[in-house]
């Protein structure tokens, strides 16, 4: 290997190795730590939004509990239903007349006015129904089922064999593509407080989309999509409403098996930064034995919006490294060639001339080296060398 090639290799190694070490540190230490921080931030955002939704629904449930404790509502729940079976032989017309009368009664009950006022004061509440302890409606804001609600899951779960508990049902779609709603069942106690006898159930249909509006307002500060999903990853409510895509069953099963987390995964054929958190309705309601559906709030963003600064730093580091290596190798090669390699080659050439017996050429080379290396002006007595063996002696002395 020639001296110039060795020189280039040494300079290249001396400049490339530090940059390679720094690049490896960024790629294997800094970048993973930054990605973990971004993913954790997405998880925290999803948890903050899910807690907001849980608090919103819990606030509605707490208000319904206060409504159920009102004397007029407790009186309505304690009333006997006015629906009585028609006389035998009256046929279908008699049954319909009896049902119509029973349906009209809940709307005209004095407590119905209280329910209507409550509904108007709470836009998220769609309708309210008070039933007695056998599930028959006694006061309501809309037409009710004359047969009663005893067979409905929400009623049985809220009555809870006479013990009573707050129940929030799973979301169901509203007619006319108006979003999703949940049914909230609140026990009505004879004395207005838990521990006394359950005399009926207050049922409210709450617009989940309206409750989600509070989450959307908070989420305006963070870009991306917010989705409320079930355990299968099906989107129930989203913001923005256009273009929300459900998680694939495989991804939903892998992710939503945990109460909260974050990951970069494919969603609708593109890579997304996903943070998710279970909507902790049971904890938010803060009632022993409260029953609530298992829902998840997912916050999805483009990974590049969060990881872009890291990628930009890595790109600039690569550009700076290439430019620095090129300048360092070029300048170092020139300086090394000027200061080290060129004199060494001149000495080698002089030694070859000396070995061949050409003392004049060897003396000339020695004189040139003395001028260049020692900075002596050419032509001075000390730097002037005579040809022949004396030049070699002068070179050796200097």
Protein backbone atom coordinates (compact mmCIF):
# COMPACT_ATOMS: atom_id res chain seq x y z
CA UNK A 1 0.00 0.00 0.00
CA UNK A 2 1.42 3.38 -1.03
CA UNK A 3 2.07 6.19 1.40
CA UNK A 4 -0.68 8.32 -0.11
CA UNK A 5 -3.23 5.50 0.20
CA UNK A 6 -2.25 4.85 3.80
CA UNK A 7 -2.55 8.56 4.48
CA UNK A 8 -6.05 8.71 2.97
CA UNK A 9 -7.20 5.62 4.89
CA UNK A 10 -5.97 7.02 8.21
CA UNK A 11 -7.65 10.36 7.63
CA UNK A 12 -10.89 8.73 6.51
CA UNK A 13 -10.98 6.47 9.54
CA UNK A 14 -10.15 9.34 11.91
CA UNK A 15 -13.06 11.43 10.60
CA UNK A 16 -15.66 8.75 9.83
CA UNK A 17 -15.38 6.81 13.08
CA UNK A 18 -16.56 9.65 15.41
CA UNK A 19 -19.50 10.43 13.13
CA UNK A 20 -20.36 6.76 12.80
CA UNK A 21 -20.29 6.41 16.58
CA UNK A 22 -22.51 9.48 16.99
CA UNK A 23 -24.92 8.25 14.33
CA UNK A 24 -25.17 4.86 16.01
CA UNK A 25 -25.88 6.54 19.35
CA UNK A 26 -28.67 8.59 17.78
CA UNK A 27 -30.15 5.60 15.91
CA UNK A 28 -30.00 3.08 18.77
CA UNK A 29 -30.31 5.27 21.88
CA UNK A 30 -31.75 8.72 21.15
CA UNK A 31 -34.30 7.73 18.45
CA UNK A 32 -35.90 4.83 20.44
CA UNK A 33 -36.09 7.03 23.54
CA UNK A 34 -37.72 9.81 21.53
CA UNK A 35 -40.21 7.35 19.98
CA UNK A 36 -41.10 6.02 23.42
CA UNK A 37 -41.68 9.57 24.65
CA UNK A 38 -43.93 10.35 21.68
CA UNK A 39 -45.93 7.13 22.13
CA UNK A 40 -46.29 7.78 25.86
CA UNK A 41 -47.48 11.32 25.12
CA UNK A 42 -50.12 9.92 22.74
CA UNK A 43 -51.29 7.50 25.45
CA UNK A 44 -51.54 10.32 27.98
CA UNK A 45 -53.57 12.40 25.51
CA UNK A 46 -56.00 9.52 24.95
CA UNK A 47 -56.32 8.96 28.69
CA UNK A 48 -56.99 12.64 29.32
CA UNK A 49 -59.73 12.67 26.66
CA UNK A 50 -61.28 9.42 27.89
CA UNK A 51 -61.40 10.75 31.45
CA UNK A 52 -63.19 13.84 30.16
CA UNK A 53 -65.84 11.67 28.51
CA UNK A 54 -66.20 9.55 31.65
CA UNK A 55 -66.62 12.67 33.79
CA UNK A 56 -69.24 14.01 31.39
CA UNK A 57 -71.33 10.84 31.60
CA UNK A 58 -70.75 10.63 35.35
CA UNK A 59 -72.04 14.19 35.70
CA UNK A 60 -75.19 13.21 33.83
CA UNK A 61 -75.62 10.17 36.08
CA UNK A 62 -75.13 12.28 39.21
CA UNK A 63 -77.74 14.77 37.99
CA UNK A 64 -80.16 11.93 37.33
CA UNK A 65 -79.60 10.66 40.86
CA UNK A 66 -80.57 14.05 42.22
CA UNK A 67 -83.62 14.02 39.96
CA UNK A 68 -84.56 10.54 41.22
CA UNK A 69 -84.40 11.82 44.79
CA UNK A 70 -87.03 14.52 44.18
CA UNK A 71 -90.27 13.99 46.03
CA UNK A 72 -92.42 14.27 42.90
CA UNK A 73 -90.38 11.60 41.12
CA UNK A 74 -90.47 9.26 44.11
CA UNK A 75 -94.21 9.79 44.34
CA UNK A 76 -94.60 8.97 40.65
CA UNK A 77 -92.56 5.76 41.07
CA UNK A 78 -94.69 4.72 44.03
CA UNK A 79 -97.96 5.24 42.11
CA UNK A 80 -99.85 2.24 40.85
CA UNK A 81 -100.13 2.00 37.06
CA UNK A 82 -103.50 3.00 35.66
CA UNK A 83 -103.35 0.43 32.91
CA UNK A 84 -105.81 -2.38 33.54
CA UNK A 85 -106.60 -5.23 31.19
CA UNK A 86 -109.82 -4.74 29.18
CA UNK A 87 -112.86 -6.90 29.90
CA UNK A 88 -112.85 -10.30 28.32
CA UNK A 89 -114.51 -10.37 24.95
CA UNK A 90 -113.78 -6.72 24.16
CA UNK A 91 -111.35 -7.81 21.47
CA UNK A 92 -108.45 -5.94 20.00
CA UNK A 93 -110.20 -2.57 20.01
CA UNK A 94 -110.74 -2.76 23.75
CA UNK A 95 -107.08 -3.68 24.31
CA UNK A 96 -105.90 -0.77 22.17
CA UNK A 97 -108.15 1.65 24.03
CA UNK A 98 -106.82 0.46 27.39
CA UNK A 99 -103.24 0.75 26.16
CA UNK A 100 -103.83 4.24 24.79
CA UNK A 101 -105.21 5.34 28.12
CA UNK A 102 -102.22 3.85 29.96
CA UNK A 103 -99.79 5.54 27.57
CA UNK A 104 -101.41 8.92 28.02
CA UNK A 105 -101.22 8.77 31.79
CA UNK A 106 -97.38 9.07 32.11
CA UNK A 107 -97.43 12.23 30.03
CA UNK A 108 -100.03 13.93 32.21
CA UNK A 109 -98.59 12.95 35.60
CA UNK A 110 -97.47 16.00 37.65
CA UNK A 111 -93.91 14.63 37.71
CA UNK A 112 -93.84 14.71 33.89
CA UNK A 113 -93.55 18.51 34.00
CA UNK A 114 -90.49 18.18 36.21
CA UNK A 115 -89.00 15.69 33.74
CA UNK A 116 -89.66 17.97 30.78
CA UNK A 117 -87.99 20.90 32.53
CA UNK A 118 -85.00 18.71 33.33
CA UNK A 119 -84.77 17.56 29.74
CA UNK A 120 -84.81 21.12 28.42
CA UNK A 121 -82.06 22.12 30.86
CA UNK A 122 -79.84 19.23 29.74
CA UNK A 123 -79.53 19.11 25.92
CA UNK A 124 -77.70 15.77 26.00
CA UNK A 125 -80.77 14.09 27.58
CA UNK A 126 -83.16 12.88 24.88
CA UNK A 127 -86.00 11.49 26.98
CA UNK A 128 -86.86 10.54 30.56
CA UNK A 129 -89.11 7.81 31.93
CA UNK A 130 -90.08 6.96 35.51
CA UNK A 131 -91.22 3.39 36.16
CA UNK A 132 -92.59 1.79 39.27
CA UNK A 133 -91.14 -1.31 40.90
CA UNK A 134 -92.83 -3.61 38.38
CA UNK A 135 -91.47 -1.74 35.33
CA UNK A 136 -94.63 0.11 34.24
CA UNK A 137 -94.12 3.76 33.21
CA UNK A 138 -95.81 6.27 35.50
CA UNK A 139 -94.30 9.56 34.26
CA UNK A 140 -92.42 10.36 31.06
CA UNK A 141 -91.50 12.98 28.51
CA UNK A 142 -92.54 10.84 25.53
CA UNK A 143 -94.88 8.01 24.61
CA UNK A 144 -94.00 4.88 26.54
CA UNK A 145 -94.42 1.16 26.10
CA UNK A 146 -97.78 0.22 27.67
CA UNK A 147 -96.55 -3.27 28.44
CA UNK A 148 -93.76 -1.91 30.63
CA UNK A 149 -89.97 -2.20 30.79
CA UNK A 150 -89.49 -5.04 33.22
CA UNK A 151 -88.08 -7.27 30.48
CA UNK A 152 -85.52 -4.71 29.36
CA UNK A 153 -81.90 -5.47 30.38
CA UNK A 154 -81.29 -1.95 31.63
CA UNK A 155 -84.31 -2.17 33.94
CA UNK A 156 -83.38 -5.55 35.43
CA UNK A 157 -79.76 -4.49 35.90
CA UNK A 158 -80.71 -1.19 37.52
CA UNK A 159 -83.35 -2.78 39.79
CA UNK A 160 -80.74 -5.41 40.73
CA UNK A 161 -83.16 -7.65 42.63
CA UNK A 162 -84.38 -4.74 44.75
CA UNK A 163 -80.88 -3.55 45.75
CA UNK A 164 -80.58 -0.88 43.07
CA UNK A 165 -77.53 0.30 41.12
CA UNK A 166 -76.65 2.80 38.42
CA UNK A 167 -76.48 1.26 34.96
CA UNK A 168 -75.08 2.72 31.74
CA UNK A 169 -75.95 0.57 28.75
CA UNK A 170 -73.93 0.04 25.61
CA UNK A 171 -74.29 2.64 22.84
CA UNK A 172 -77.10 2.19 20.32
CA UNK A 173 -77.65 4.17 17.10
CA UNK A 174 -80.30 6.85 17.06
CA UNK A 175 -82.88 6.92 14.31
CA UNK A 176 -82.26 9.23 11.38
CA UNK A 177 -78.49 8.89 11.61
CA UNK A 178 -78.39 11.28 14.56
CA UNK A 179 -75.48 9.60 16.29
CA UNK A 180 -75.31 7.20 19.24
CA UNK A 181 -77.07 7.15 22.59
CA UNK A 182 -76.68 5.32 25.89
CA UNK A 183 -79.40 4.41 28.34
CA UNK A 184 -78.78 5.41 31.96
CA UNK A 185 -80.84 3.64 34.60
CA UNK A 186 -80.95 5.11 38.13
CA UNK A 187 -82.81 3.45 41.02
CA UNK A 188 -85.46 5.49 42.79
CA UNK A 189 -85.35 4.91 46.54
CA UNK A 190 -88.35 5.30 48.81
CA UNK A 191 -86.44 7.65 51.12
CA UNK A 192 -84.36 9.27 48.38
CA UNK A 193 -81.08 7.61 49.39
CA UNK A 194 -79.37 4.23 48.91
CA UNK A 195 -80.21 1.66 51.55
CA UNK A 196 -83.93 2.26 51.49
CA UNK A 197 -86.36 0.26 49.39
CA UNK A 198 -86.18 0.59 45.60
CA UNK A 199 -89.62 1.77 44.44
CA UNK A 200 -88.83 2.34 40.77
CA UNK A 201 -86.31 3.16 38.08
CA UNK A 202 -85.55 6.47 36.36
CA UNK A 203 -84.40 5.90 32.81
CA UNK A 204 -82.72 8.54 30.65
CA UNK A 205 -81.58 8.27 27.07
CA UNK A 206 -78.37 10.34 26.76
CA UNK A 207 -76.98 11.45 23.44
CA UNK A 208 -73.44 10.07 23.42
CA UNK A 209 -72.50 12.27 20.48
CA UNK A 210 -73.42 15.38 22.49
CA UNK A 211 -71.41 14.12 25.46
CA UNK A 212 -68.50 13.61 23.06
CA UNK A 213 -68.61 17.30 22.11
CA UNK A 214 -66.75 18.18 25.29
CA UNK A 215 -64.00 15.79 24.29
CA UNK A 216 -63.84 17.38 20.84
CA UNK A 217 -63.44 20.84 22.35
CA UNK A 218 -60.53 19.69 24.47
CA UNK A 219 -59.06 17.75 21.55
CA UNK A 220 -58.87 20.84 19.36
CA UNK A 221 -55.49 21.59 20.91
CA UNK A 222 -54.08 18.31 19.57
CA UNK A 223 -54.21 17.40 15.91
CA UNK A 224 -55.49 14.05 14.73
CA UNK A 225 -58.63 11.97 15.05
CA UNK A 226 -60.55 11.04 18.19
CA UNK A 227 -62.68 7.92 18.13
CA UNK A 228 -64.87 6.18 20.65
CA UNK A 229 -64.87 2.45 19.96
CA UNK A 230 -66.13 -0.76 21.47
CA UNK A 231 -63.91 -3.70 22.36
CA UNK A 232 -64.00 -4.89 18.72
CA UNK A 233 -62.59 -1.60 17.46
CA UNK A 234 -65.83 -0.46 15.81
CA UNK A 235 -66.10 3.33 15.74
CA UNK A 236 -69.18 4.60 17.60
CA UNK A 237 -68.45 8.34 17.62
CA UNK A 238 -65.57 10.19 16.01
CA UNK A 239 -64.18 13.68 15.54
CA UNK A 240 -63.86 14.75 12.86
CA UNK A 241 -66.86 12.72 11.80
CA UNK A 242 -65.68 12.33 8.21
CA UNK A 243 -63.29 9.59 7.27
CA UNK A 244 -63.00 7.82 10.61
CA UNK A 245 -61.86 4.25 9.99
CA UNK A 246 -62.34 1.34 12.35
CA UNK A 247 -59.45 -0.74 13.61
CA UNK A 248 -59.01 -4.10 12.01
CA UNK A 249 -60.18 -6.97 14.27
CA UNK A 250 -56.59 -8.22 14.61
CA UNK A 251 -55.24 -4.85 15.70
CA UNK A 252 -58.23 -4.22 17.97
CA UNK A 253 -57.79 -7.56 19.70
CA UNK A 254 -54.06 -6.94 20.20
CA UNK A 255 -54.36 -3.36 21.40
CA UNK A 256 -57.65 -3.12 23.27
CA UNK A 257 -56.87 -6.10 25.47
CA UNK A 258 -54.93 -3.56 27.57
CA UNK A 259 -56.64 -0.70 29.42
CA UNK A 260 -54.29 1.91 27.94
CA UNK A 261 -51.27 2.16 25.70
CA UNK A 262 -49.72 3.59 22.57
CA UNK A 263 -48.22 2.17 19.41
CA UNK A 264 -47.44 2.97 15.79
CA UNK A 265 -49.59 0.64 13.70
CA UNK A 266 -51.40 0.38 10.39
CA UNK A 267 -54.91 1.79 10.30
CA UNK A 268 -56.95 1.84 7.10
CA UNK A 269 -53.84 1.00 5.10
CA UNK A 270 -51.63 3.79 6.47
CA UNK A 271 -49.29 4.11 9.41
CA UNK A 272 -50.80 5.93 12.40
CA UNK A 273 -49.64 6.86 15.86
CA UNK A 274 -52.34 5.41 18.13
CA UNK A 275 -52.92 6.18 21.77
CA UNK A 276 -55.86 4.53 23.49
CA UNK A 277 -57.43 4.44 26.92
CA UNK A 278 -60.44 2.71 28.39
CA UNK A 279 -63.30 5.06 29.33
CA UNK A 280 -63.42 4.37 33.05
CA UNK A 281 -67.14 4.83 33.53
CA UNK A 282 -67.37 2.56 36.53
CA UNK A 283 -64.72 4.56 38.38
CA UNK A 284 -66.15 7.90 37.29
CA UNK A 285 -69.69 7.07 38.46
CA UNK A 286 -68.11 6.18 41.82
CA UNK A 287 -70.92 3.96 43.01
CA UNK A 288 -70.53 0.44 44.38
CA UNK A 289 -71.70 -2.11 41.85
CA UNK A 290 -72.25 0.42 39.04
CA UNK A 291 -72.51 -1.27 35.67
CA UNK A 292 -71.10 0.36 32.54
CA UNK A 293 -70.03 -0.77 29.05
CA UNK A 294 -66.37 -1.21 28.16
CA UNK A 295 -65.49 1.57 25.73
CA UNK A 296 -62.19 2.91 24.46
CA UNK A 297 -61.15 6.34 23.31
CA UNK A 298 -58.50 6.27 20.59
CA UNK A 299 -56.39 9.26 19.57
CA UNK A 300 -54.83 8.78 16.12
CA UNK A 301 -52.29 11.09 14.48
CA UNK A 302 -49.81 10.99 11.64
CA UNK A 303 -46.49 9.74 13.11
CA UNK A 304 -44.56 12.21 10.96
CA UNK A 305 -46.13 15.16 12.78
CA UNK A 306 -44.60 13.92 16.04
CA UNK A 307 -41.47 12.16 14.79
CA UNK A 308 -40.72 14.76 12.11
CA UNK A 309 -38.26 16.74 14.28
CA UNK A 310 -36.29 13.58 14.98
CA UNK A 311 -36.15 12.65 11.31
CA UNK A 312 -35.13 16.21 10.41
CA UNK A 313 -32.29 16.12 12.95
CA UNK A 314 -31.13 12.77 11.58
CA UNK A 315 -31.16 14.11 8.01
CA UNK A 316 -29.19 17.21 8.97
CA UNK A 317 -26.73 15.11 10.93
CA UNK A 318 -26.13 13.00 7.83
CA UNK A 319 -25.61 16.08 5.65
CA UNK A 320 -23.27 17.70 8.17
CA UNK A 321 -21.35 14.44 8.61
CA UNK A 322 -20.82 14.02 4.86
CA UNK A 323 -19.75 17.65 4.44
CA UNK A 324 -17.44 17.53 7.46
CA UNK A 325 -15.84 14.26 6.37
CA UNK A 326 -15.26 15.59 2.86
CA UNK A 327 -13.68 18.84 4.11
CA UNK A 328 -11.64 17.14 6.84
CA UNK A 329 -10.31 14.42 4.56
CA UNK A 330 -9.48 16.87 1.76
CA UNK A 331 -7.83 19.45 3.99
CA UNK A 332 -6.07 16.85 6.09
CA UNK A 333 -4.79 15.06 3.02
CA UNK A 334 -3.43 18.31 1.58
CA UNK A 335 -1.74 19.35 4.83
CA UNK A 336 -0.29 15.91 5.46
CA UNK A 337 0.97 15.75 1.92
CA UNK A 338 2.45 19.26 2.18
CA UNK A 339 4.06 18.93 5.59
CA UNK A 340 4.89 15.24 5.91
CA UNK A 341 4.60 13.23 2.74
CA UNK A 342 6.34 15.64 0.36
CA UNK A 343 9.55 16.02 2.45
CA UNK A 344 9.64 12.27 3.03
CA UNK A 345 9.39 11.64 -0.70
CA UNK A 346 12.15 14.21 -1.34
CA UNK A 347 14.44 12.52 1.18
CA UNK A 348 13.71 9.17 -0.41
CA UNK A 349 14.53 10.60 -3.84
CA UNK A 350 17.77 12.09 -2.49
CA UNK A 351 18.76 8.80 -0.95
CA UNK A 352 18.18 7.06 -4.24
CA UNK A 353 20.37 9.61 -6.05
CA UNK A 354 22.98 9.25 -3.37
CA UNK A 355 22.91 5.49 -3.72
CA UNK A 356 23.48 5.86 -7.45
CA UNK A 357 26.48 8.17 -6.79
CA UNK A 358 24.86 11.36 -8.06
CA UNK A 359 26.06 13.61 -5.26
CA UNK A 360 25.14 16.81 -7.11
CA UNK A 361 21.46 15.88 -7.35
CA UNK A 362 21.48 14.66 -3.76
CA UNK A 363 22.99 17.96 -2.64
CA UNK A 364 20.37 19.91 -4.54
CA UNK A 365 17.59 17.96 -2.86
CA UNK A 366 19.22 18.45 0.54
CA UNK A 367 19.53 22.16 -0.08
CA UNK A 368 15.86 22.35 -1.05
CA UNK A 369 14.81 20.50 2.10
CA UNK A 370 16.86 22.83 4.27
CA UNK A 371 15.26 25.84 2.65
CA UNK A 372 11.73 24.53 3.00
CA UNK A 373 11.96 22.93 6.43
CA UNK A 374 14.22 25.43 8.23
CA UNK A 375 12.98 28.60 6.55
CA UNK A 376 16.45 29.81 5.55
CA UNK A 377 16.63 32.12 2.54
CA UNK A 378 18.05 30.49 -0.49
CA UNK A 379 21.62 31.71 -1.24
CA UNK A 380 22.77 32.40 2.36
CA UNK A 381 26.07 30.96 3.41
CA UNK A 382 24.60 28.59 5.94
CA UNK A 383 22.09 27.20 3.52
CA UNK A 384 24.41 27.05 0.52
CA UNK A 385 25.55 23.49 -0.06
CA UNK A 386 28.28 22.37 -2.40
CA UNK A 387 27.92 19.37 -4.50
CA UNK A 388 29.64 16.21 -3.59
CA UNK A 389 30.21 14.52 -0.26
CA UNK A 390 30.17 17.83 1.65
CA UNK A 391 26.47 18.28 0.91
CA UNK A 392 25.70 15.02 2.56
CA UNK A 393 27.70 16.03 5.61
CA UNK A 394 25.93 19.39 5.74
CA UNK A 395 22.54 17.65 5.46
CA UNK A 396 23.52 15.27 8.23
CA UNK A 397 24.66 18.12 10.49
CA UNK A 398 21.45 20.03 10.00
